[in-house]
Amino acid sequence: MTKKILLILVGIGFLLLPVIAFSEELAQEQILKVGSCDDDIMGLDPYYFVGTSGEPMLRAIYEGLVRFNFGNIALDKTEPAISESWEVSPDGLLWTFHLRKGVQFHQGYGECTAEDVKFSIERLDGGSPQHADYQTIEDITCVDPYTVEFKMNGVDPFFLYKVGNYHGGYVVSKKAVEEKGEGFRSSPVGTGPFEFSEWIAKEKVVLVRNDNYWRGKPILEGIEFLFMPDPNTRTLGLESGQIDTTTEGVDEEQWVSSERAKGIIVDTLGFDMPMILYFNMTVKPLDDIRVRMALAYATSRQDFIDYNGPSLNRAMISPLPPGMYGSISEGLPLYEYDLAKAKLLLAKAGYPNGFDLGRVYSSVRPLYLDPLEILQAQWAKVGVTFEIEPVAHEAYHALVRQDLNAIVCYPGPRATPDMVFTQYLHSNAVVGKETAITNFSHYGDVDCDGDGTIDGVDEYIEKARVEMNPERQKALYAIAQLQVLLDLPIYPIHSMAVTQARNSWVDLGHEPYEQSWINGYAYTEKTRILKH
């Protein structure tokens, strides 16, 4: 065959690819079965924290004013959703969104209007963990049923993220929330492609097709999220075809290679899942900077990377994951593994033989349990001990927010540096407060170094939040990162790629965005199951 003919045939093949893909026959049953990595959820109201397994359910049930582009999470790639267009004033202090007419809520709750949008955002002020992300909103005005204005108290470069399909940006039905009250958590109402059908505790959550979805009738008839906290059970379920896809795979190189060899599609997403160690600085002797430094020197990042595999992990030296906007990698104290330094600092602090931190609660999920076990082995070399008590995942989230742990190993991807700093390191986010989110260290409320003053980075966070000049904004984030590492309320360990897996017959209708777990698998009106 001549090169010319070969090139012609290759060209024809490329032209036919979309037609071939489109003409693939659908499976007779269009019920997608998803293996969820938790043993249950805590509810499906976006006002509350919903956890890993709850997030893909929310994305199927609800929508935001805008939607992240499935191929790129960048702000300039944001797509219309409930709003069909928007504009921002030249000074950046007024955002106007024009709603799409005819968007219907589930369960007969009527058309989505500006009142629902206003209600959804304003209700977060009642103590939602999402509230801190919306501090720049001064007032929300319904100009008419299809126009809503956000008046800002400062410029917010990341505002579109906050009204998108993530965390507090989901729009709920005002009427449904008011009628159902607390029952809304277990009977949610949104405008998305799938409606809530039932929740059987510790067994499954069932969603059914929204035939009136404004983007078009979904191909799937429904989705069943089956609770499978054991990774081996999820793996066997994938291999046997009992489940079609998972909310989370196993974040280990060997597992990825093994499943791919068996024909399972494994997507590795991000490196935006940070694993951060939080020191509860209200617990002695963790209130002593020398002790926290000693524990940092006694922690080998390389052990964590080797445990899961270097292709799925990167060392993390900043509170911001590597590659995130504003993250820096130079000029920060590294606290590189050095047992001699660790022992010397402990001796200077009055603990030459180490100490015991008592009981530390952990989720049963390996993502949370494994790093604590690694730390337990590492710190034993300098005489520092603690007992790990594994609990159900939803119970764990409640316990750590009751301030019961001396240390917390917490993975949590966020879309922007403002979300990271606001939710993990701002004083308003300290656990135990009415405004609590996930500041387990009490940073911003305590004296970190014994000089008699309260330490923190609130000032830099708040200035960066409204800074429109990118270079000045990055400078503020750089100062904040340096100060955090000097005060050492946390110790960044590593940043992970998250695995999600699916059988070859699952057509998501989009390509998972490899740069971010946040925009991984989404089940939309285009998702379908092919004949197999």
Foldseek 3Di string as FASTA:
>chain_A
DDPVVVVVVVVVVVVCVVVVVVPFFFAPAQEAEAAEQFLFWPFQDLLADTDLRNLLVLLQFWWFQWAQDQADRDPVRIGGDQFHDWDADPQQFKIKTFGDPPQAKPPPLGTQWLVQQQCLLVVSVQQRLLVLVVQQFDDWDRPDRGMIMTGGPFHFPCVVVCLGSDRSNTGFRPVCCVVCPVNCRQQGMHRGQWHWDGGDRSAWTKIAGDCSRPVHTFPRGIYIHGHDNDLVVVLVCQLVVVHFWYSFHQLAPVRCVVVVVSQWDKAWAALQWFWKKFAQLVDPPQLALLQLLLLLLLDALVVVCVVRHVVFKDFDFWLGGPPAQLDDDPDADRSHHDNVSSLVSCVVVPRNQEDEQEEAEFEPHCVFPVVVVSSQVSCVVRNYHYHYDYDRPVVNVVVLLVLPGSMGTDIDGDRHPLCSCSCAFDQLQDRPDSNHHHPSHNQQNGDLHPPPDRHGLNVLSVVLSRDPPSVVSSVSSVVRRRSCSVSVSMGTRMGGTTMMIGHPQWDQQHQRHRNHSSSGRHRHSHIGGGHD
